[in-house]
Amino acid sequence: MAIPYLLYVTPDGEILEDTRLQALSFGDRPLKANELIPLPDGVTLSMMPDRLAVGQKRNGTRSVLPQSRGWAVAALLPIGYTRTLLPAYEKVPDTEPLPFFGYSAVAGMNGKLYVAAVKTDEVRKWHPRAFNAQKLAKLVHEKQALFPENRIIGQHAHCALDYSCPTASNLFFERWEMAIAVSPSCNARCVGCISKQEEEDLISPQDRLTFVPSVEEIVEVAITHLEKAEDAIVSFGQGCEGDPLLQWPRISKAIKALREKTDRGVININTNGSNPRWLQRLYDAGLDTIRVSTISGHPETYNAYYRPLGYTHEDVTESLKKAAEAGVYSSINLLCFPGLIDREREIEALLKLVRDTDLKLIQLRNLNIDPEVFIPRMPDFASMGKALGMKKLIEILHQELPNVEIGNFSRPISRTAQAAPAL
């Protein structure tokens, strides 16, 4: 069987393979050929700044490349692929945390590049080639000229052009899932929040929304999308905001206004699901789907990551139960960190959560974070049992939950007819 060899990036930015050293994953575990796939289309290879490349010699000893040769390298996967292993490296002392990306282990074999990942969804609607930059810029200019006073359009123009956000971009392409950010505040303090960090040495990669849009602004943006877009989904709750549920009265009014105008398309919310009563008001207004963010079905792990303010893990579970009762299609956005979510305790808790809430879809999401920022803030991994591996986790989910979809993206699915909204 072929040996996966160490990859590193030189000071000039060239990625090279060292055939004297076997590639390792995080924790200095040797990579195996059957754990890797060829680099998928749309992947980005990233230097890991101030992280030295490490590999294993043929005699089994660990070897660290000198800084003069370059840095460790990792892959940033396109949406639709789930990473299975983190990259190995040795951190230079007293250096800054890594930027908030989802680093995946890479290796070279037979002159080609490979990554530790599995394909977990159809990527056509999310592939970078579906978001032509020149066409997007033109559409943004046209939409802003048409609605110059709408602040939502201004916000997502920034997100589309500066962050290449797919759902923000879809607002302008008028197709598929479209973003509507509504809440500058949040009632969780997630360790890996990408729009607001409390710790000085952790820099959020995105700007947080600074205003609360009016009901009129929401309806103005959403109505055309619902009426005309292919597989139309209007989604509250984006990476550039806090939690939209804190603006539930405004969202409720907007949903009712939209449903008075059209019954087409899907209205979705991405939320932490912190308040079942508030969500019930949205279910009653006509919300079609909900995606609740979580990192675990176990309260201890959940609380360590989300650090919730004024709500509990039980509230989140209750919100999902009420969604099922209302006929609202429910999913979770499962933040995946290999070595945590695939541990025995975590798998058991996840299965229980899904069964207890009649969940319809698990959306796997690679957690973007520096492992050395994340791990010290979590419960002791060893207390959670053996890590079975991400591939085994996905296999177990398919076997134990045959009626639950496993993927990465929201589905354009309307509410069940027997649970029609009360408008």
Protein backbone atom coordinates (compact mmCIF):
# COMPACT_ATOMS: atom_id res chain seq x y z
CA MET A 1 0.00 0.00 0.00
CA ALA A 2 1.23 3.50 -0.85
CA ILE A 3 2.68 5.61 1.95
CA PRO A 4 1.25 9.12 2.48
CA TYR A 5 4.21 11.49 2.65
CA LEU A 6 4.62 14.79 4.47
CA LEU A 7 3.69 17.99 2.67
CA TYR A 8 5.03 21.41 3.62
CA VAL A 9 4.97 24.91 2.17
CA THR A 10 8.23 26.72 1.50
CA PRO A 11 8.91 30.39 2.32
CA ASP A 12 8.24 31.09 -1.39
CA GLY A 13 4.79 29.52 -1.16
CA GLU A 14 5.62 26.29 -3.01
CA ILE A 15 4.08 23.08 -1.66
CA LEU A 16 6.59 20.24 -1.59
CA GLU A 17 6.54 16.58 -0.61
CA ASP A 18 9.19 15.04 1.64
CA THR A 19 9.38 11.34 0.73
CA ARG A 20 11.61 10.60 3.71
CA LEU A 21 8.79 11.29 6.17
CA GLN A 22 5.33 9.75 6.52
CA ALA A 23 2.55 12.29 7.00
CA LEU A 24 0.93 12.54 10.42
CA SER A 25 -2.43 13.71 11.69
CA PHE A 26 -3.03 15.71 14.88
CA GLY A 27 -1.68 13.81 17.85
CA ASP A 28 1.20 12.43 15.75
CA ARG A 29 -0.80 9.55 14.36
CA PRO A 30 0.56 8.24 11.01
CA LEU A 31 -1.82 8.77 8.10
CA LYS A 32 -2.93 5.75 6.10
CA ALA A 33 -3.68 5.69 2.38
CA ASN A 34 -7.24 4.42 2.90
CA GLU A 35 -8.03 7.46 5.07
CA LEU A 36 -7.42 9.89 2.22
CA ILE A 37 -9.15 11.05 -0.95
CA PRO A 38 -7.73 13.07 -3.86
CA LEU A 39 -8.04 16.81 -3.32
CA PRO A 40 -11.60 17.69 -4.39
CA ASP A 41 -12.36 20.47 -6.83
CA GLY A 42 -12.70 23.74 -4.95
CA VAL A 43 -10.30 22.90 -2.10
CA THR A 44 -7.83 25.52 -0.84
CA LEU A 45 -4.39 24.60 0.46
CA SER A 46 -3.35 26.79 3.36
CA MET A 47 -0.09 27.54 5.09
CA MET A 48 -0.35 27.16 8.87
CA PRO A 49 1.60 30.22 10.07
CA ASP A 50 4.14 29.64 12.84
CA ARG A 51 3.42 25.89 12.75
CA LEU A 52 6.35 23.64 11.85
CA ALA A 53 5.73 20.62 9.63
CA VAL A 54 6.17 17.26 11.35
CA GLY A 55 6.41 13.73 9.98
CA GLN A 56 7.55 10.26 10.94
CA LYS A 57 10.79 8.61 9.87
CA ARG A 58 10.88 5.02 8.66
CA ASN A 59 12.19 3.94 12.07
CA GLY A 60 9.08 5.41 13.71
CA THR A 61 10.67 8.49 15.26
CA ARG A 62 9.08 11.93 14.97
CA SER A 63 10.86 14.54 12.86
CA VAL A 64 10.26 18.31 12.79
CA LEU A 65 11.26 20.28 9.70
CA PRO A 66 13.28 23.43 10.46
CA GLN A 67 11.60 26.78 9.99
CA SER A 68 14.01 27.57 7.16
CA ARG A 69 12.30 24.92 5.02
CA GLY A 70 8.81 26.29 5.59
CA TRP A 71 5.58 25.70 7.48
CA ALA A 72 2.99 22.99 7.92
CA VAL A 73 0.23 22.89 5.31
CA ALA A 74 -3.46 21.98 5.57
CA ALA A 75 -6.50 21.81 3.31
CA LEU A 76 -9.58 23.99 3.65
CA LEU A 77 -12.40 21.88 2.25
CA PRO A 78 -15.23 23.12 0.04
CA ILE A 79 -18.73 22.81 1.46
CA GLY A 80 -20.05 19.30 0.86
CA TYR A 81 -16.95 17.58 2.25
CA THR A 82 -16.43 16.62 5.89
CA ARG A 83 -12.91 16.40 7.29
CA THR A 84 -11.95 13.24 9.13
CA LEU A 85 -8.54 14.15 10.59
CA LEU A 86 -6.74 17.31 11.69
CA PRO A 87 -3.20 18.13 10.50
CA ALA A 88 -0.14 17.55 12.65
CA TYR A 89 2.25 20.40 13.41
CA GLU A 90 4.54 21.82 16.07
CA LYS A 91 3.68 25.29 17.25
CA VAL A 92 6.40 27.91 17.51
CA PRO A 93 6.31 29.15 21.13
CA ASP A 94 4.53 32.43 21.97
CA THR A 95 2.77 32.79 18.62
CA GLU A 96 -0.77 33.91 17.79
CA PRO A 97 -3.70 31.49 17.47
CA LEU A 98 -4.47 30.22 14.00
CA PRO A 99 -7.09 32.07 11.92
CA PHE A 100 -10.61 30.62 12.12
CA PHE A 101 -10.52 27.97 9.39
CA GLY A 102 -11.30 24.26 9.28
CA TYR A 103 -7.85 22.72 8.86
CA SER A 104 -7.74 19.20 7.39
CA ALA A 105 -4.77 16.80 7.24
CA VAL A 106 -3.09 16.46 3.84
CA ALA A 107 -0.43 14.21 2.32
CA GLY A 108 1.30 13.36 -0.94
CA MET A 109 1.13 9.97 -2.64
CA ASN A 110 2.53 9.01 -6.03
CA GLY A 111 3.08 12.65 -6.94
CA LYS A 112 -0.53 13.65 -6.18
CA LEU A 113 -2.14 15.50 -3.26
CA TYR A 114 -4.66 13.94 -0.88
CA VAL A 115 -6.78 15.05 2.07
CA ALA A 116 -8.40 13.33 5.05
CA ALA A 117 -12.07 13.85 4.19
CA VAL A 118 -15.26 12.27 2.89
CA LYS A 119 -17.84 13.67 0.50
CA THR A 120 -21.11 14.09 2.38
CA ASP A 121 -23.40 16.07 0.08
CA GLU A 122 -24.02 17.20 -3.49
CA VAL A 123 -21.93 20.33 -4.07
CA ARG A 124 -23.34 21.80 -7.31
CA LYS A 125 -25.16 24.71 -5.65
CA TRP A 126 -22.23 25.53 -3.39
CA HIS A 127 -19.22 25.12 -5.66
CA PRO A 128 -17.12 28.28 -6.21
CA ARG A 129 -17.67 28.10 -9.97
CA ALA A 130 -21.39 28.71 -9.35
CA PHE A 131 -20.49 32.18 -8.03
CA ASN A 132 -18.86 34.06 -10.88
CA ALA A 133 -17.21 37.10 -9.30
CA GLN A 134 -17.68 39.44 -12.26
CA LYS A 135 -21.35 38.59 -12.66
CA LEU A 136 -21.89 38.85 -8.90
CA ALA A 137 -20.41 42.36 -8.76
CA LYS A 138 -22.74 43.45 -11.57
CA LEU A 139 -25.80 41.97 -9.84
CA VAL A 140 -24.86 43.59 -6.53
CA HIS A 141 -24.58 46.99 -8.21
CA GLU A 142 -27.98 46.53 -9.89
CA LYS A 143 -29.73 45.40 -6.71
CA GLN A 144 -28.27 48.25 -4.66
CA ALA A 145 -29.37 50.75 -7.30
CA LEU A 146 -32.88 49.29 -7.21
CA PHE A 147 -33.11 49.33 -3.39
CA PRO A 148 -30.67 52.03 -2.24
CA GLU A 149 -32.22 52.42 1.22
CA ASN A 150 -32.43 48.73 2.13
CA ARG A 151 -29.75 48.02 4.72
CA ILE A 152 -30.05 44.24 4.40
CA ILE A 153 -28.94 44.48 0.79
CA GLY A 154 -26.01 46.65 1.84
CA GLN A 155 -24.99 44.18 4.54
CA HIS A 156 -25.08 41.18 2.24
CA ALA A 157 -23.36 43.03 -0.58
CA HIS A 158 -20.42 43.29 1.83
CA CYS A 159 -20.71 39.62 2.79
CA ALA A 160 -20.97 38.46 -0.83
CA LEU A 161 -18.14 40.56 -2.25
CA ASP A 162 -15.73 40.56 0.70
CA TYR A 163 -16.35 37.13 2.26
CA SER A 164 -17.65 35.17 -0.75
CA CYS A 165 -20.63 34.05 1.34
CA PRO A 166 -22.79 31.72 -0.80
CA THR A 167 -26.13 32.55 0.84
CA ALA A 168 -25.44 36.29 0.69
CA SER A 169 -24.47 35.90 -2.96
CA ASN A 170 -27.69 34.02 -3.72
CA LEU A 171 -29.66 37.10 -2.70
CA PHE A 172 -28.22 38.80 -5.77
CA PHE A 173 -28.27 35.76 -8.07
CA GLU A 174 -31.94 35.30 -7.02
CA ARG A 175 -31.73 31.54 -6.54
CA TRP A 176 -31.52 28.78 -3.92
CA GLU A 177 -30.89 29.65 -0.25
CA MET A 178 -30.71 33.38 0.43
CA ALA A 179 -29.45 35.11 3.59
CA ILE A 180 -31.28 37.65 5.72
CA ALA A 181 -29.31 38.82 8.76
CA VAL A 182 -31.46 40.49 11.43
CA SER A 183 -29.77 40.33 14.84
CA PRO A 184 -26.64 42.13 16.05
CA SER A 185 -26.91 40.47 19.49
CA CYS A 186 -26.60 36.92 20.76
CA ASN A 187 -27.33 34.93 23.92
CA ALA A 188 -24.43 32.52 23.46
CA ARG A 189 -20.69 33.10 23.63
CA CYS A 190 -19.46 30.41 21.28
CA VAL A 191 -15.77 29.59 21.52
CA GLY A 192 -15.52 29.59 17.73
CA CYS A 193 -17.82 32.53 16.91
CA ILE A 194 -16.76 34.00 13.57
CA SER A 195 -18.30 37.45 14.04
CA LYS A 196 -17.59 38.41 17.67
CA GLN A 197 -14.88 37.32 20.09
CA GLU A 198 -14.49 38.37 23.71
CA GLU A 199 -10.83 37.34 24.02
CA GLU A 200 -8.24 39.82 22.77
CA ASP A 201 -6.02 37.29 21.01
CA LEU A 202 -8.91 35.75 19.05
CA ILE A 203 -9.80 37.79 15.98
CA SER A 204 -13.16 37.18 14.31
CA PRO A 205 -12.85 36.85 10.52
CA GLN A 206 -16.15 38.63 9.80
CA ASP A 207 -17.85 41.89 10.77
CA ARG A 208 -20.95 41.56 12.96
CA LEU A 209 -24.21 43.15 11.80
CA THR A 210 -24.64 46.58 13.45
CA PHE A 211 -28.38 47.26 12.97
CA VAL A 212 -31.81 45.66 13.26
CA PRO A 213 -33.68 45.82 9.94
CA SER A 214 -37.31 46.83 9.76
CA VAL A 215 -40.09 44.44 8.84
CA GLU A 216 -40.47 46.38 5.60
CA GLU A 217 -36.81 45.87 4.71
CA ILE A 218 -37.09 42.14 5.37
CA VAL A 219 -40.20 41.75 3.24
CA GLU A 220 -38.79 43.89 0.43
CA VAL A 221 -35.74 41.65 0.14
CA ALA A 222 -37.48 38.31 0.63
CA ILE A 223 -40.64 38.55 -1.45
CA THR A 224 -39.02 38.53 -4.88
CA HIS A 225 -36.83 35.61 -3.88
CA LEU A 226 -39.75 33.53 -2.65
CA GLU A 227 -41.83 34.30 -5.71
CA LYS A 228 -39.20 33.80 -8.42
CA ALA A 229 -36.09 31.94 -7.25
CA GLU A 230 -35.30 28.32 -8.10
CA ASP A 231 -35.52 26.13 -4.95
CA ALA A 232 -36.18 29.30 -3.00
CA ILE A 233 -35.18 29.41 0.66
CA VAL A 234 -35.13 32.61 2.70
CA SER A 235 -32.90 32.06 5.76
CA PHE A 236 -32.73 34.09 8.93
CA GLY A 237 -29.54 33.50 10.92
CA GLN A 238 -26.18 34.01 9.25
CA GLY A 239 -22.51 34.00 10.18
CA CYS A 240 -22.41 37.80 10.17
CA GLU A 241 -24.94 38.14 12.99
CA GLY A 242 -25.79 36.98 16.49
CA ASP A 243 -28.86 34.82 16.96
CA PRO A 244 -31.97 35.79 14.98
CA LEU A 245 -34.32 34.37 17.60
CA LEU A 246 -33.65 37.47 19.73
CA GLN A 247 -35.57 39.36 17.02
CA TRP A 248 -38.48 36.92 16.96
CA PRO A 249 -41.30 39.55 17.05
CA ARG A 250 -39.90 41.22 13.95
CA ILE A 251 -39.36 37.91 12.16
CA SER A 252 -42.88 36.78 13.07
CA LYS A 253 -44.40 39.92 11.54
CA ALA A 254 -42.26 39.51 8.44
CA ILE A 255 -43.25 35.86 7.96
CA LYS A 256 -46.94 36.72 8.25
CA ALA A 257 -46.55 39.58 5.76
CA LEU A 258 -44.70 37.36 3.31
CA ARG A 259 -47.25 34.55 3.56
CA GLU A 260 -50.05 37.00 2.89
CA LYS A 261 -48.36 37.70 -0.44
CA THR A 262 -47.15 34.24 -1.50
CA ASP A 263 -47.19 30.62 -0.42
CA ARG A 264 -44.18 29.82 -2.60
CA GLY A 265 -40.70 28.94 -1.33
CA VAL A 266 -39.37 28.04 2.10
CA ILE A 267 -38.81 30.30 5.10
CA ASN A 268 -36.02 29.00 7.34
CA ILE A 269 -34.27 30.02 10.54
CA ASN A 270 -30.74 29.09 11.61
CA THR A 271 -30.63 29.53 15.38
CA ASN A 272 -29.31 28.19 18.66
CA GLY A 273 -32.91 27.27 19.50
CA SER A 274 -32.66 28.86 22.93
CA ASN A 275 -36.34 29.66 23.55
CA PRO A 276 -39.11 27.17 22.68
CA ARG A 277 -41.86 29.76 23.34
CA TRP A 278 -40.42 32.29 20.93
CA LEU A 279 -39.93 29.63 18.30
CA GLN A 280 -43.53 28.48 18.75
CA ARG A 281 -44.60 31.98 17.73
CA LEU A 282 -42.57 31.60 14.54
CA TYR A 283 -44.00 28.14 13.90
CA ASP A 284 -47.48 29.64 14.28
CA ALA A 285 -46.59 32.48 11.92
CA GLY A 286 -45.64 30.07 9.13
CA LEU A 287 -41.97 29.14 9.50
CA ASP A 288 -41.21 26.13 7.28
CA THR A 289 -37.84 24.83 8.47
CA ILE A 290 -35.43 25.23 11.36
CA ARG A 291 -31.75 24.42 11.69
CA VAL A 292 -30.43 24.44 15.24
CA SER A 293 -26.71 24.79 15.81
CA THR A 294 -25.07 22.36 18.21
CA ILE A 295 -21.74 20.74 18.86
CA SER A 296 -23.08 17.88 20.95
CA GLY A 297 -26.12 16.11 22.31
CA HIS A 298 -24.48 16.12 25.74
CA PRO A 299 -25.12 19.14 28.03
CA GLU A 300 -21.57 19.25 29.42
CA THR A 301 -19.96 19.51 25.98
CA TYR A 302 -22.66 21.85 24.70
CA ASN A 303 -22.28 24.28 27.60
CA ALA A 304 -18.49 24.32 27.37
CA TYR A 305 -18.63 25.45 23.74
CA TYR A 306 -21.74 27.66 23.58
CA ARG A 307 -21.46 29.19 27.07
CA PRO A 308 -25.20 30.02 26.94
CA LEU A 309 -26.68 33.09 28.60
CA GLY A 310 -30.13 32.57 30.09
CA TYR A 311 -31.00 29.27 28.44
CA THR A 312 -30.13 25.58 28.76
CA HIS A 313 -29.44 22.57 26.60
CA GLU A 314 -32.88 21.30 27.61
CA ASP A 315 -34.45 24.42 26.07
CA VAL A 316 -32.74 23.60 22.78
CA THR A 317 -34.07 20.05 22.85
CA GLU A 318 -37.58 21.31 23.62
CA SER A 319 -37.44 23.73 20.68
CA LEU A 320 -36.72 20.85 18.31
CA LYS A 321 -39.48 18.72 19.82
CA LYS A 322 -42.00 21.52 19.30
CA ALA A 323 -40.83 21.91 15.70
CA ALA A 324 -41.71 18.28 15.01
CA GLU A 325 -45.11 18.75 16.64
CA ALA A 326 -45.79 21.78 14.43
CA GLY A 327 -44.82 19.99 11.21
CA VAL A 328 -41.72 22.15 10.81
CA TYR A 329 -38.87 20.35 9.03
CA SER A 330 -36.01 20.31 11.54
CA SER A 331 -32.28 19.82 11.26
CA ILE A 332 -29.17 20.43 13.31
CA ASN A 333 -26.01 22.17 12.22
CA LEU A 334 -23.55 19.75 13.85
CA LEU A 335 -20.16 21.38 14.42
CA CYS A 336 -17.65 18.61 13.79
CA PHE A 337 -14.26 18.40 15.47
CA PRO A 338 -12.57 15.03 14.81
CA GLY A 339 -11.58 13.42 18.08
CA LEU A 340 -14.57 14.91 19.92
CA ILE A 341 -17.86 14.31 18.13
CA ASP A 342 -16.80 10.76 17.18
CA ARG A 343 -16.22 9.65 20.79
CA GLU A 344 -18.47 6.98 22.28
CA ARG A 345 -20.23 9.26 24.78
CA GLU A 346 -20.83 11.93 22.15
CA ILE A 347 -22.22 9.47 19.61
CA GLU A 348 -24.66 8.04 22.17
CA ALA A 349 -25.81 11.53 23.16
CA LEU A 350 -26.22 12.58 19.53
CA LEU A 351 -28.33 9.52 18.72
CA LYS A 352 -30.54 10.22 21.72
CA LEU A 353 -31.00 13.87 20.72
CA VAL A 354 -32.02 12.93 17.19
CA ARG A 355 -34.46 10.26 18.33
CA ASP A 356 -35.99 12.39 21.07
CA THR A 357 -36.68 15.29 18.70
CA ASP A 358 -37.74 13.41 15.54
CA LEU A 359 -35.02 15.22 13.63
CA LYS A 360 -35.09 15.01 9.83
CA LEU A 361 -31.57 16.07 8.81
CA ILE A 362 -28.08 16.27 10.30
CA GLN A 363 -25.99 18.91 8.59
CA LEU A 364 -22.32 18.20 9.22
CA ARG A 365 -20.19 21.33 9.50
CA ASN A 366 -16.39 21.46 9.86
CA LEU A 367 -15.64 23.54 12.95
CA ASN A 368 -13.37 26.45 12.02
CA ILE A 369 -10.99 26.88 14.95
CA ASP A 370 -7.41 26.48 16.16
CA PRO A 371 -7.25 23.06 17.90
CA GLU A 372 -5.12 24.56 20.67
CA VAL A 373 -7.77 27.21 21.32
CA PHE A 374 -10.60 24.68 21.26
CA ILE A 375 -9.36 21.65 23.19
CA PRO A 376 -8.41 23.37 26.49
CA ARG A 377 -11.91 24.90 26.67
CA MET A 378 -13.69 21.55 26.30
CA PRO A 379 -14.27 18.75 28.81
CA ASP A 380 -11.51 16.14 28.99
CA PHE A 381 -11.78 14.14 25.77
CA ALA A 382 -10.56 10.97 27.49
CA SER A 383 -13.62 11.03 29.78
CA MET A 384 -15.87 10.63 26.74
CA GLY A 385 -14.70 7.15 25.78
CA LYS A 386 -12.87 5.98 22.68
CA ALA A 387 -12.73 8.04 19.49
CA LEU A 388 -14.16 5.81 16.76
CA GLY A 389 -13.28 8.11 13.85
CA MET A 390 -15.39 10.38 11.67
CA LYS A 391 -16.00 7.73 9.02
CA LYS A 392 -17.29 5.35 11.68
CA LEU A 393 -19.48 8.09 13.14
CA ILE A 394 -21.13 8.70 9.76
CA GLU A 395 -21.55 4.95 9.25
CA ILE A 396 -23.24 4.63 12.66
CA LEU A 397 -25.57 7.54 11.92
CA HIS A 398 -26.69 5.90 8.67
CA GLN A 399 -27.19 2.53 10.37
CA GLU A 400 -28.94 3.75 13.52
CA LEU A 401 -30.97 6.56 11.94
CA PRO A 402 -32.11 5.20 8.55
CA ASN A 403 -34.87 7.82 8.18
CA VAL A 404 -32.59 10.79 8.93
CA GLU A 405 -30.69 12.48 6.13
CA ILE A 406 -26.95 13.07 6.59
CA GLY A 407 -25.55 15.97 4.56
CA ASN A 408 -24.27 19.52 4.68
CA PHE A 409 -26.97 21.80 3.29
CA SER A 410 -30.51 22.94 4.02
CA ARG A 411 -33.30 21.40 1.92
CA PRO A 412 -36.08 23.38 0.19
CA ILE A 413 -38.82 21.46 2.01
CA SER A 414 -42.13 23.06 2.99
CA ARG A 415 -44.17 22.29 6.07
CA THR A 416 -46.38 19.24 6.25
CA ALA A 417 -49.93 19.95 5.13
CA GLN A 418 -51.51 18.69 8.36
CA ALA A 419 -49.64 21.32 10.35
CA ALA A 420 -50.57 24.40 8.35
CA PRO A 421 -49.54 27.71 9.94
CA ALA A 422 -52.07 29.87 11.73
CA LEU A 423 -51.88 33.25 10.06
